[in-house]
N, C-alpha and C. Protein backbone atom coordinates (compact mmCIF):
# COMPACT_ATOMS: atom_id res chain seq x y z
N MET A 1 -0.65 60.40 -3.80
CA MET A 1 -1.56 60.80 -3.71
C MET A 1 -1.91 62.17 -3.38
N ASN A 2 -2.64 63.03 -4.46
CA ASN A 2 -2.86 64.29 -3.78
C ASN A 2 -3.83 64.42 -2.84
N LYS A 3 -3.88 65.79 -2.48
CA LYS A 3 -5.21 65.89 -1.28
C LYS A 3 -6.43 65.74 -2.06
N LYS A 4 -6.70 66.54 -3.10
CA LYS A 4 -7.96 66.18 -3.98
C LYS A 4 -8.61 64.78 -4.12
N MET A 5 -7.33 64.08 -4.03
CA MET A 5 -8.21 62.73 -4.30
C MET A 5 -8.48 62.00 -2.82
N LEU A 6 -7.42 62.28 -1.68
CA LEU A 6 -7.63 61.65 -0.67
C LEU A 6 -9.12 62.10 0.05
N PHE A 7 -9.31 63.50 -0.14
CA PHE A 7 -10.54 63.74 0.90
C PHE A 7 -11.99 62.95 0.61
N PRO A 8 -12.00 62.48 -1.02
CA PRO A 8 -13.33 61.85 -1.28
C PRO A 8 -13.06 60.42 -0.81
N LEU A 9 -11.82 59.68 -0.73
CA LEU A 9 -11.67 58.33 -0.37
C LEU A 9 -11.78 58.05 1.18
N VAL A 10 -11.50 59.10 1.92
CA VAL A 10 -11.43 59.23 3.07
C VAL A 10 -13.06 59.41 3.64
N LEU A 11 -13.84 60.12 2.82
CA LEU A 11 -15.40 60.35 3.46
C LEU A 11 -15.93 59.21 2.86
N ALA A 12 -15.98 58.50 1.79
CA ALA A 12 -16.24 57.27 1.37
C ALA A 12 -16.06 56.37 2.47
N VAL A 13 -15.21 56.11 2.92
CA VAL A 13 -14.61 55.43 4.17
C VAL A 13 -15.51 55.44 5.44
N LEU A 14 -15.65 56.87 5.84
CA LEU A 14 -16.24 57.06 7.00
C LEU A 14 -17.83 57.12 7.01
N VAL A 15 -18.15 57.19 5.82
CA VAL A 15 -19.55 56.96 5.51
C VAL A 15 -19.88 55.45 5.62
N GLY A 16 -18.90 54.65 4.99
CA GLY A 16 -19.11 53.09 5.24
C GLY A 16 -19.00 52.80 6.62
N LEU A 17 -18.44 53.32 7.44
CA LEU A 17 -18.30 52.94 9.11
C LEU A 17 -19.31 53.36 9.80
N LEU A 18 -19.58 54.58 9.43
CA LEU A 18 -20.92 55.28 10.19
C LEU A 18 -22.18 54.83 9.82
N GLY A 19 -22.46 54.44 8.51
CA GLY A 19 -23.83 54.32 7.89
C GLY A 19 -24.71 53.17 8.68
N SER A 20 -25.93 53.39 8.34
CA SER A 20 -26.71 52.51 9.45
C SER A 20 -26.78 51.23 8.98
N PRO A 21 -26.40 50.24 10.03
CA PRO A 21 -26.47 48.65 9.64
C PRO A 21 -27.69 48.09 9.01
N GLN A 22 -27.36 47.23 8.04
CA GLN A 22 -28.25 46.74 7.21
C GLN A 22 -28.69 45.10 7.93
N HIS A 23 -30.06 45.42 8.05
CA HIS A 23 -30.55 43.67 8.59
C HIS A 23 -30.34 42.63 7.33
N ALA A 24 -30.42 41.54 7.98
CA ALA A 24 -30.66 40.63 7.13
C ALA A 24 -31.84 40.03 6.63
N GLU A 25 -32.12 39.64 5.78
CA GLU A 25 -33.42 39.19 5.02
C GLU A 25 -34.10 38.31 6.24
N ALA A 26 -35.37 38.31 6.59
CA ALA A 26 -35.88 37.55 7.47
C ALA A 26 -36.24 36.20 6.73
N ARG A 27 -35.84 35.32 7.38
CA ARG A 27 -36.24 33.96 6.60
C ARG A 27 -37.41 33.24 7.14
N SER A 28 -38.15 32.40 6.71
CA SER A 28 -39.28 31.91 6.75
C SER A 28 -39.26 30.45 7.72
N TRP A 29 -40.31 30.26 8.38
CA TRP A 29 -40.41 29.14 9.07
C TRP A 29 -41.32 28.18 8.57
N GLU A 30 -41.30 26.76 8.43
CA GLU A 30 -42.26 26.18 8.53
C GLU A 30 -43.19 25.65 9.57
N ILE A 31 -44.39 25.48 9.38
CA ILE A 31 -45.48 25.26 10.71
C ILE A 31 -44.94 23.99 10.77
N ASP A 32 -44.86 23.22 12.02
CA ASP A 32 -45.01 22.10 12.38
C ASP A 32 -46.47 21.97 13.12
N LYS A 33 -47.26 21.36 12.02
CA LYS A 33 -48.74 20.98 12.18
C LYS A 33 -49.14 19.87 13.51
N GLU A 34 -48.13 19.24 13.98
CA GLU A 34 -47.99 18.19 14.99
C GLU A 34 -48.14 18.92 16.16
N HIS A 35 -47.55 20.09 16.43
CA HIS A 35 -47.44 21.00 17.65
C HIS A 35 -47.89 22.35 17.39
N THR A 36 -48.78 22.75 16.59
CA THR A 36 -49.51 23.94 16.19
C THR A 36 -50.94 23.75 16.62
N ASN A 37 -51.76 24.84 17.08
CA ASN A 37 -52.92 24.56 17.16
C ASN A 37 -54.00 25.88 17.72
N PHE A 38 -55.21 25.76 17.10
CA PHE A 38 -55.91 26.95 17.51
C PHE A 38 -56.99 26.28 17.93
N TYR A 39 -56.93 26.72 19.47
CA TYR A 39 -57.66 26.33 20.63
C TYR A 39 -58.89 27.24 20.72
N PHE A 40 -60.25 27.05 21.25
CA PHE A 40 -61.16 28.17 21.66
C PHE A 40 -61.76 27.44 22.67
N SER A 41 -62.53 28.37 23.44
CA SER A 41 -63.59 27.93 24.70
C SER A 41 -64.59 28.86 24.74
N VAL A 42 -65.86 28.45 24.72
CA VAL A 42 -66.93 29.53 24.89
C VAL A 42 -67.99 29.05 26.10
N ASP A 43 -68.73 29.62 26.93
CA ASP A 43 -69.38 29.37 27.94
C ASP A 43 -70.69 28.77 27.30
N HIS A 44 -71.06 27.60 28.13
CA HIS A 44 -72.69 26.93 27.55
C HIS A 44 -73.17 26.90 28.99
N ILE A 45 -74.00 27.62 29.31
CA ILE A 45 -74.93 27.43 30.70
C ILE A 45 -73.80 27.76 31.92
N TYR A 46 -73.51 26.91 32.51
CA TYR A 46 -72.60 26.95 33.56
C TYR A 46 -71.33 26.20 33.10
N ALA A 47 -70.95 25.86 31.74
CA ALA A 47 -69.74 24.82 31.77
C ALA A 47 -69.21 25.89 30.67
N LYS A 48 -68.09 24.99 30.50
CA LYS A 48 -66.84 25.60 29.36
C LYS A 48 -66.78 24.62 28.10
N VAL A 49 -67.12 25.08 27.03
CA VAL A 49 -66.92 24.17 25.76
C VAL A 49 -65.89 24.36 25.15
N ARG A 50 -64.98 23.38 24.95
CA ARG A 50 -63.63 23.37 24.38
C ARG A 50 -63.36 22.96 23.12
N GLY A 51 -62.41 23.49 21.96
CA GLY A 51 -62.49 22.77 20.86
C GLY A 51 -61.36 23.15 20.32
N CYS A 52 -61.15 22.80 19.04
CA CYS A 52 -60.11 23.38 17.90
C CYS A 52 -60.26 23.36 16.60
N PHE A 53 -59.36 23.62 15.76
CA PHE A 53 -59.33 23.44 14.13
C PHE A 53 -58.30 22.98 13.87
N THR A 54 -58.30 21.57 13.15
CA THR A 54 -57.51 20.89 12.98
C THR A 54 -56.70 20.78 11.71
N ASP A 55 -57.59 21.56 10.83
CA ASP A 55 -56.65 21.51 9.21
C ASP A 55 -56.48 23.01 9.14
N PHE A 56 -55.23 23.35 8.67
CA PHE A 56 -55.06 24.90 8.55
C PHE A 56 -53.57 24.72 7.78
N THR A 57 -53.03 25.96 7.28
CA THR A 57 -51.88 26.11 6.74
C THR A 57 -51.47 27.78 6.82
N GLY A 58 -50.24 27.96 6.92
CA GLY A 58 -49.76 29.38 7.00
C GLY A 58 -48.28 29.78 6.95
N THR A 59 -48.09 30.96 7.10
CA THR A 59 -46.93 31.54 6.60
C THR A 59 -46.30 32.28 7.87
N ILE A 60 -45.03 31.72 8.32
CA ILE A 60 -44.49 32.50 9.45
C ILE A 60 -43.05 33.07 8.97
N VAL A 61 -42.92 34.50 8.55
CA VAL A 61 -41.39 34.95 8.38
C VAL A 61 -41.39 35.69 9.44
N PHE A 62 -40.55 35.48 10.34
CA PHE A 62 -40.15 36.21 11.37
C PHE A 62 -38.65 36.38 11.88
N ASP A 63 -38.47 37.47 12.36
CA ASP A 63 -36.95 38.01 12.68
C ASP A 63 -36.89 38.61 13.72
N PRO A 64 -36.78 38.87 14.94
CA PRO A 64 -36.84 40.09 16.08
C PRO A 64 -35.92 40.95 15.78
N ASP A 65 -35.06 40.86 14.77
CA ASP A 65 -33.91 42.26 14.40
C ASP A 65 -34.48 42.45 13.25
N ASN A 66 -35.55 41.85 12.68
CA ASN A 66 -36.03 42.55 11.32
C ASN A 66 -37.81 42.42 11.62
N LEU A 67 -38.09 43.06 12.12
CA LEU A 67 -39.81 43.31 11.93
C LEU A 67 -40.19 43.81 11.06
N LYS A 68 -39.78 44.60 10.40
CA LYS A 68 -40.14 45.42 9.28
C LYS A 68 -40.34 44.03 8.14
N ASP A 69 -39.75 43.46 7.72
CA ASP A 69 -40.09 42.25 7.00
C ASP A 69 -40.66 40.82 7.25
N SER A 70 -41.05 40.97 8.48
CA SER A 70 -41.79 39.56 9.12
C SER A 70 -43.09 39.71 9.01
N LYS A 71 -43.82 38.61 8.92
CA LYS A 71 -45.16 38.56 8.61
C LYS A 71 -45.62 37.40 8.99
N ILE A 72 -46.69 37.06 9.56
CA ILE A 72 -47.54 36.00 10.16
C ILE A 72 -48.95 35.83 9.34
N SER A 73 -49.33 34.84 8.64
CA SER A 73 -50.65 34.84 8.18
C SER A 73 -51.11 33.19 8.22
N PHE A 74 -52.72 32.96 8.20
CA PHE A 74 -53.26 31.56 8.44
C PHE A 74 -54.19 31.44 7.63
N GLU A 75 -54.52 30.49 7.40
CA GLU A 75 -55.84 30.04 6.97
C GLU A 75 -56.41 28.85 7.51
N ILE A 76 -57.48 28.58 7.95
CA ILE A 76 -57.90 27.87 8.92
C ILE A 76 -59.16 27.12 8.02
N LYS A 77 -59.38 25.96 7.76
CA LYS A 77 -60.82 25.43 7.16
C LYS A 77 -61.71 25.02 8.48
N VAL A 78 -62.98 25.75 8.30
CA VAL A 78 -63.58 25.77 9.19
C VAL A 78 -64.55 24.28 9.54
N LYS A 79 -64.51 23.23 8.41
CA LYS A 79 -64.86 22.18 8.59
C LYS A 79 -64.28 21.15 9.29
N SER A 80 -62.92 21.40 9.88
CA SER A 80 -61.92 20.76 10.57
C SER A 80 -62.32 21.17 12.39
N VAL A 81 -63.66 21.93 12.44
CA VAL A 81 -63.64 21.96 13.84
C VAL A 81 -64.20 20.97 14.72
N ASP A 82 -63.58 20.92 15.72
CA ASP A 82 -63.62 19.68 16.88
C ASP A 82 -63.74 19.71 17.94
N THR A 83 -64.79 19.48 18.62
CA THR A 83 -65.02 19.58 20.07
C THR A 83 -65.10 18.39 20.86
N GLY A 84 -65.08 17.54 19.97
CA GLY A 84 -65.11 16.09 20.68
C GLY A 84 -66.38 15.25 20.42
N ILE A 85 -67.31 16.17 19.99
CA ILE A 85 -68.83 15.49 20.09
C ILE A 85 -69.28 16.01 18.51
N GLY A 86 -69.52 14.92 17.69
CA GLY A 86 -70.01 15.18 16.41
C GLY A 86 -71.20 15.82 16.09
N LYS A 87 -72.28 15.74 16.74
CA LYS A 87 -73.33 16.18 16.94
C LYS A 87 -73.28 17.76 17.11
N ARG A 88 -72.31 17.98 17.79
CA ARG A 88 -72.31 19.60 18.37
C ARG A 88 -71.44 20.13 16.94
N ASP A 89 -70.45 19.64 16.68
CA ASP A 89 -69.62 20.01 15.24
C ASP A 89 -70.38 20.42 14.47
N ASN A 90 -71.35 19.53 14.30
CA ASN A 90 -72.37 19.70 12.93
C ASN A 90 -73.24 20.69 12.91
N HIS A 91 -73.44 20.99 14.42
CA HIS A 91 -74.37 22.23 14.38
C HIS A 91 -73.52 23.53 14.63
N LEU A 92 -72.21 23.71 14.75
CA LEU A 92 -71.49 24.61 14.72
C LEU A 92 -71.28 24.87 13.13
N LEU A 93 -71.09 23.95 12.28
CA LEU A 93 -70.88 23.83 10.89
C LEU A 93 -72.12 24.41 10.35
N SER A 94 -73.16 24.35 10.76
CA SER A 94 -74.76 24.96 10.29
C SER A 94 -74.75 26.37 9.99
N GLY A 95 -75.83 26.69 9.75
CA GLY A 95 -76.30 28.23 9.32
C GLY A 95 -76.49 28.65 10.77
N ASP A 96 -76.80 28.23 11.83
CA ASP A 96 -76.84 28.52 13.09
C ASP A 96 -75.35 29.40 13.69
N PHE A 97 -74.39 28.87 13.34
CA PHE A 97 -73.28 29.37 13.61
C PHE A 97 -72.47 29.53 12.43
N PHE A 98 -71.48 28.83 12.16
CA PHE A 98 -70.34 29.08 11.11
C PHE A 98 -70.78 29.16 9.36
N ASP A 99 -71.86 28.58 9.20
CA ASP A 99 -72.35 28.19 7.67
C ASP A 99 -71.35 28.03 7.02
N ALA A 100 -70.53 26.85 7.19
CA ALA A 100 -69.20 26.47 6.53
C ALA A 100 -69.49 26.26 5.05
N SER A 101 -70.51 25.54 4.78
CA SER A 101 -70.61 25.60 3.50
C SER A 101 -70.58 26.95 2.36
N LYS A 102 -70.84 27.76 3.29
CA LYS A 102 -71.07 29.13 2.56
C LYS A 102 -69.56 29.77 2.91
N TYR A 103 -69.18 29.91 4.05
CA TYR A 103 -68.07 30.22 4.24
C TYR A 103 -66.85 29.32 4.86
N PRO A 104 -66.12 28.90 3.87
CA PRO A 104 -64.99 27.31 4.50
C PRO A 104 -64.42 27.87 5.32
N LEU A 105 -63.74 29.15 5.03
CA LEU A 105 -62.27 29.47 5.55
C LEU A 105 -62.51 30.81 6.74
N ILE A 106 -61.41 30.67 7.43
CA ILE A 106 -61.05 31.70 8.60
C ILE A 106 -59.63 32.26 8.20
N THR A 107 -59.57 33.47 8.01
CA THR A 107 -58.23 33.73 7.40
C THR A 107 -57.33 34.72 8.52
N PHE A 108 -56.39 34.92 8.50
CA PHE A 108 -55.66 35.97 9.14
C PHE A 108 -54.36 36.18 8.51
N SER A 109 -54.30 37.51 8.34
CA SER A 109 -52.97 38.10 7.88
C SER A 109 -52.52 39.54 8.68
N SER A 110 -51.10 39.50 8.93
CA SER A 110 -50.52 40.46 9.58
C SER A 110 -50.16 41.75 8.58
N THR A 111 -50.26 42.98 9.03
CA THR A 111 -50.10 43.80 8.61
C THR A 111 -48.78 44.64 9.15
N ARG A 112 -48.48 44.34 10.33
CA ARG A 112 -47.57 44.81 11.06
C ARG A 112 -46.90 44.15 12.66
N ILE A 113 -45.59 43.95 12.62
CA ILE A 113 -45.39 43.17 14.04
C ILE A 113 -44.73 44.21 14.68
N ALA A 114 -45.16 44.46 15.66
CA ALA A 114 -44.23 45.74 16.64
C ALA A 114 -43.81 44.78 17.82
N LYS A 115 -42.85 45.16 18.49
CA LYS A 115 -42.14 44.79 19.73
C LYS A 115 -43.15 45.25 20.85
N ALA A 116 -43.27 44.28 22.05
CA ALA A 116 -44.17 44.99 22.93
C ALA A 116 -43.17 44.90 24.20
N GLU A 117 -43.80 44.68 25.25
CA GLU A 117 -43.36 44.16 26.91
C GLU A 117 -42.44 42.84 26.67
N GLY A 118 -41.41 42.66 27.19
CA GLY A 118 -40.38 41.35 27.23
C GLY A 118 -40.41 40.66 25.99
N ASN A 119 -40.94 39.55 25.79
CA ASN A 119 -40.85 38.68 24.84
C ASN A 119 -41.95 38.46 23.96
N THR A 120 -43.10 39.61 24.13
CA THR A 120 -44.24 39.71 23.43
C THR A 120 -44.13 40.73 22.29
N TYR A 121 -44.82 39.98 21.13
CA TYR A 121 -44.96 40.81 19.75
C TYR A 121 -46.33 41.12 19.60
N ASN A 122 -46.59 42.58 19.12
CA ASN A 122 -48.28 42.78 18.75
C ASN A 122 -48.29 42.37 17.19
N VAL A 123 -49.20 41.76 16.89
CA VAL A 123 -48.99 41.06 15.48
C VAL A 123 -50.91 41.94 14.93
N ASN A 124 -50.34 43.02 14.19
CA ASN A 124 -51.22 43.73 13.90
C ASN A 124 -51.84 43.33 12.56
N GLY A 125 -52.88 42.67 12.48
CA GLY A 125 -53.37 42.21 11.23
C GLY A 125 -55.16 42.30 11.03
N THR A 126 -55.46 41.47 9.90
CA THR A 126 -56.50 41.44 9.59
C THR A 126 -57.36 39.98 9.76
N LEU A 127 -58.19 39.69 10.32
CA LEU A 127 -59.22 38.80 10.79
C LEU A 127 -60.41 38.57 10.10
N THR A 128 -60.37 37.38 9.41
CA THR A 128 -61.75 37.37 8.48
C THR A 128 -62.69 36.11 8.77
N ILE A 129 -63.69 36.13 9.32
CA ILE A 129 -64.62 34.86 9.79
C ILE A 129 -65.99 35.29 9.11
N LYS A 130 -66.91 34.52 8.35
CA LYS A 130 -67.92 34.65 7.58
C LYS A 130 -67.94 35.98 6.75
N GLY A 131 -66.89 36.09 6.14
CA GLY A 131 -66.95 37.24 5.42
C GLY A 131 -66.80 38.71 6.06
N VAL A 132 -67.01 38.82 7.31
CA VAL A 132 -66.50 39.75 8.04
C VAL A 132 -65.13 40.19 8.57
N SER A 133 -64.28 41.38 8.13
CA SER A 133 -63.13 41.31 8.28
C SER A 133 -62.94 42.55 9.24
N THR A 134 -62.07 42.59 10.25
CA THR A 134 -61.90 43.24 11.38
C THR A 134 -60.50 43.43 11.66
N ASP A 135 -60.07 44.19 11.73
CA ASP A 135 -58.39 44.44 12.40
C ASP A 135 -58.34 44.51 13.70
N LEU A 136 -57.19 43.80 14.28
CA LEU A 136 -56.89 43.50 15.57
C LEU A 136 -55.27 43.34 15.94
N ILE A 137 -55.28 42.92 17.07
CA ILE A 137 -54.01 42.74 17.68
C ILE A 137 -53.82 41.39 18.12
N LEU A 138 -53.04 40.49 17.62
CA LEU A 138 -52.84 39.42 18.37
C LEU A 138 -51.51 39.21 19.00
N PRO A 139 -51.54 39.39 20.33
CA PRO A 139 -50.25 39.08 21.20
C PRO A 139 -49.61 37.90 21.19
N LEU A 140 -48.41 37.96 20.71
CA LEU A 140 -47.69 36.46 20.63
C LEU A 140 -46.60 36.70 21.37
N THR A 141 -46.33 35.66 22.31
CA THR A 141 -44.96 35.68 23.13
C THR A 141 -44.14 34.72 22.35
N TYR A 142 -42.53 35.14 22.16
CA TYR A 142 -41.88 34.56 21.36
C TYR A 142 -40.96 33.69 22.32
N GLY A 143 -41.18 32.26 22.06
CA GLY A 143 -40.36 31.49 23.10
C GLY A 143 -38.59 31.49 22.92
N GLY A 144 -38.45 31.90 21.32
CA GLY A 144 -36.87 32.07 21.16
C GLY A 144 -36.65 31.02 20.20
N LYS A 145 -35.48 30.76 20.01
CA LYS A 145 -35.32 29.72 18.65
C LYS A 145 -34.01 29.01 19.29
N LYS A 146 -33.47 27.50 18.89
CA LYS A 146 -32.61 26.61 19.24
C LYS A 146 -32.54 25.83 18.19
N ASP A 147 -31.75 24.80 18.52
CA ASP A 147 -31.51 23.36 17.67
C ASP A 147 -32.36 22.49 18.18
N ASN A 148 -33.14 21.90 17.27
CA ASN A 148 -34.46 20.76 17.40
C ASN A 148 -33.66 20.03 18.01
N PRO A 149 -33.93 19.49 19.21
CA PRO A 149 -33.38 18.19 19.70
C PRO A 149 -33.84 16.71 19.01
N MET A 150 -35.05 16.94 18.43
CA MET A 150 -35.63 15.87 17.72
C MET A 150 -35.36 15.69 16.32
N ALA A 151 -34.79 16.66 15.61
CA ALA A 151 -34.50 16.99 14.23
C ALA A 151 -33.08 17.37 13.86
N PRO A 152 -32.19 16.54 14.07
CA PRO A 152 -30.71 17.12 13.69
C PRO A 152 -30.95 17.72 12.23
N GLY A 153 -29.93 19.09 12.50
CA GLY A 153 -30.08 19.87 11.26
C GLY A 153 -30.94 20.95 11.01
N MET A 154 -31.92 20.78 12.37
CA MET A 154 -33.14 21.64 12.16
C MET A 154 -33.13 22.62 13.15
N GLU A 155 -33.66 23.74 13.25
CA GLU A 155 -33.73 24.73 14.43
C GLU A 155 -35.27 24.98 14.29
N VAL A 156 -35.65 25.20 15.67
CA VAL A 156 -37.08 25.54 15.91
C VAL A 156 -37.45 26.69 16.57
N THR A 157 -38.85 27.13 16.49
CA THR A 157 -39.08 28.42 17.35
C THR A 157 -40.12 27.90 17.52
N GLY A 158 -40.80 28.88 18.22
CA GLY A 158 -42.34 28.95 18.96
C GLY A 158 -42.86 30.07 19.48
N PHE A 159 -44.29 30.04 19.55
CA PHE A 159 -45.06 31.25 19.98
C PHE A 159 -46.25 31.00 20.78
N ASN A 160 -46.81 31.15 21.65
CA ASN A 160 -48.00 31.20 22.45
C ASN A 160 -49.09 32.98 22.36
N GLY A 161 -50.26 32.78 22.10
CA GLY A 161 -50.98 34.06 22.05
C GLY A 161 -52.42 33.82 22.87
N GLN A 162 -52.88 34.78 23.49
CA GLN A 162 -54.48 34.72 23.93
C GLN A 162 -55.24 35.97 23.60
N LEU A 163 -56.35 35.72 23.05
CA LEU A 163 -57.16 36.95 22.85
C LEU A 163 -58.68 36.51 22.90
N THR A 164 -59.45 37.21 23.06
CA THR A 164 -61.07 36.85 23.29
C THR A 164 -61.71 37.69 22.29
N LEU A 165 -62.51 37.08 21.57
CA LEU A 165 -63.31 37.69 20.28
C LEU A 165 -64.79 37.42 20.74
N ASP A 166 -65.65 38.26 20.41
CA ASP A 166 -66.88 38.29 20.34
C ASP A 166 -67.47 37.94 19.15
N ARG A 167 -68.01 36.75 19.07
CA ARG A 167 -68.56 35.62 17.74
C ARG A 167 -69.70 36.48 17.19
N LEU A 168 -70.41 37.14 17.81
CA LEU A 168 -71.49 37.87 17.05
C LEU A 168 -71.14 39.03 16.16
N ALA A 169 -69.82 39.59 16.67
CA ALA A 169 -69.41 40.65 15.69
C ALA A 169 -69.31 40.06 14.42
N TYR A 170 -68.71 38.95 14.33
CA TYR A 170 -68.50 37.87 12.85
C TYR A 170 -69.85 37.32 12.35
N THR A 171 -70.93 37.54 13.18
CA THR A 171 -72.07 36.79 12.91
C THR A 171 -72.19 35.04 12.81
N VAL A 172 -71.42 35.21 13.98
CA VAL A 172 -71.03 33.34 14.03
C VAL A 172 -72.42 33.37 15.24
N GLY A 173 -73.77 33.08 14.93
CA GLY A 173 -75.06 33.15 15.50
C GLY A 173 -75.69 34.19 15.48
N ASP A 174 -76.73 34.18 15.46
CA ASP A 174 -77.65 35.49 15.36
C ASP A 174 -77.94 36.26 16.78
N GLY A 175 -77.31 35.28 18.02
CA GLY A 175 -77.75 35.95 19.26
C GLY A 175 -78.69 35.21 20.11
N LYS A 176 -79.47 34.43 19.25
CA LYS A 176 -80.61 33.67 19.93
C LYS A 176 -79.87 32.93 21.04
N TYR A 177 -79.18 31.98 21.04
CA TYR A 177 -78.73 30.90 21.88
C TYR A 177 -78.03 32.11 23.19
N TYR A 178 -77.50 33.25 22.63
CA TYR A 178 -76.89 33.73 23.96
C TYR A 178 -77.89 34.86 24.71
N THR A 179 -78.82 34.98 24.18
CA THR A 179 -80.26 35.86 24.61
C THR A 179 -80.93 34.79 25.64
N MET A 180 -81.00 33.51 25.03
CA MET A 180 -81.59 32.27 26.06
C MET A 180 -80.63 32.15 27.12
N GLY A 181 -79.36 32.45 27.18
CA GLY A 181 -78.29 32.37 28.25
C GLY A 181 -77.71 30.59 28.11
N VAL A 182 -77.78 30.12 26.98
CA VAL A 182 -77.13 28.94 26.53
C VAL A 182 -75.84 29.08 26.07
N VAL A 183 -75.52 29.87 24.78
CA VAL A 183 -73.92 30.05 24.62
C VAL A 183 -73.71 31.45 24.83
N GLY A 184 -72.26 31.69 25.53
CA GLY A 184 -71.79 32.72 25.27
C GLY A 184 -71.48 33.60 24.01
N LYS A 185 -71.12 34.58 23.89
CA LYS A 185 -70.84 35.49 23.02
C LYS A 185 -69.15 35.55 22.85
N ASP A 186 -68.57 35.78 23.92
CA ASP A 186 -66.99 36.06 24.06
C ASP A 186 -66.50 34.48 24.05
N VAL A 187 -65.51 34.37 22.88
CA VAL A 187 -64.99 33.14 22.92
C VAL A 187 -63.40 33.55 23.28
N ASP A 188 -62.84 32.66 24.08
CA ASP A 188 -61.26 32.62 24.59
C ASP A 188 -60.68 31.78 23.58
N ILE A 189 -59.89 32.51 23.00
CA ILE A 189 -58.78 31.95 21.82
C ILE A 189 -57.40 31.77 22.33
N LEU A 190 -56.74 30.59 22.19
CA LEU A 190 -55.59 30.09 22.46
C LEU A 190 -54.69 29.99 21.00
N VAL A 191 -53.69 30.51 20.55
CA VAL A 191 -53.11 30.15 19.65
C VAL A 191 -51.47 29.68 20.23
N THR A 192 -51.12 28.49 19.87
CA THR A 192 -49.80 27.62 20.06
C THR A 192 -49.37 27.32 18.62
N ILE A 193 -48.13 28.07 18.65
CA ILE A 193 -47.68 27.64 17.25
C ILE A 193 -45.95 27.13 17.57
N GLU A 194 -45.66 26.20 16.85
CA GLU A 194 -44.32 25.46 16.91
C GLU A 194 -43.64 25.50 15.42
N ALA A 195 -42.51 26.05 14.98
CA ALA A 195 -42.31 26.16 13.55
C ALA A 195 -40.59 25.64 13.34
N GLN A 196 -40.44 25.14 12.59
CA GLN A 196 -38.60 24.92 12.11
C GLN A 196 -38.34 25.20 11.06
N ARG A 197 -36.88 25.08 10.64
CA ARG A 197 -36.26 25.25 9.49
C ARG A 197 -35.12 24.75 9.66
N LYS A 198 -34.51 24.62 8.30
CA LYS A 198 -32.90 24.23 8.10
C LYS A 198 -31.95 25.30 8.57
N LYS A 199 -31.05 24.62 9.61
CA LYS A 199 -30.10 25.98 9.75
C LYS A 199 -29.12 26.48 8.65
């Protein structure tokens, strides 16, 4: 082999060895609805009223080594609100609050996921409630992944996150009950997620 042929061959090998490593495609996870919840808590005069939404769907594509292709989204059915008292739930579904017949869904869709401190990831995305969309950051703490001890052949992952929303910014209420000192405007949200997939 002459020198003219040898040089391009050596160059190609070096480029292959020194080139940037390619991340594997981020794989999707199936949400375990029995162990995933969207909880909320809001002040009522001196008490705390707690509830959750029980009907939702979502997409989780997450790989801590490939955040560029990772994405998280949810679609929550407002009519599934549950505070343990039917009369109160019906009031929340009325025009005084969620107006569920006109706005049946709460949606969240990520636009970017970035590493924060420790095992926390900032999920930048758009939240839409009652037709009002805002950009926010949902911080999620990543629990890791492991073989699911309850489901052979499956692996499981999980996330937990908290944030506070001003319900009046999404027109969930007109401020009347807040002005009366009955229902607070700040709602504490707890998102807890468990998801699994085949190994």
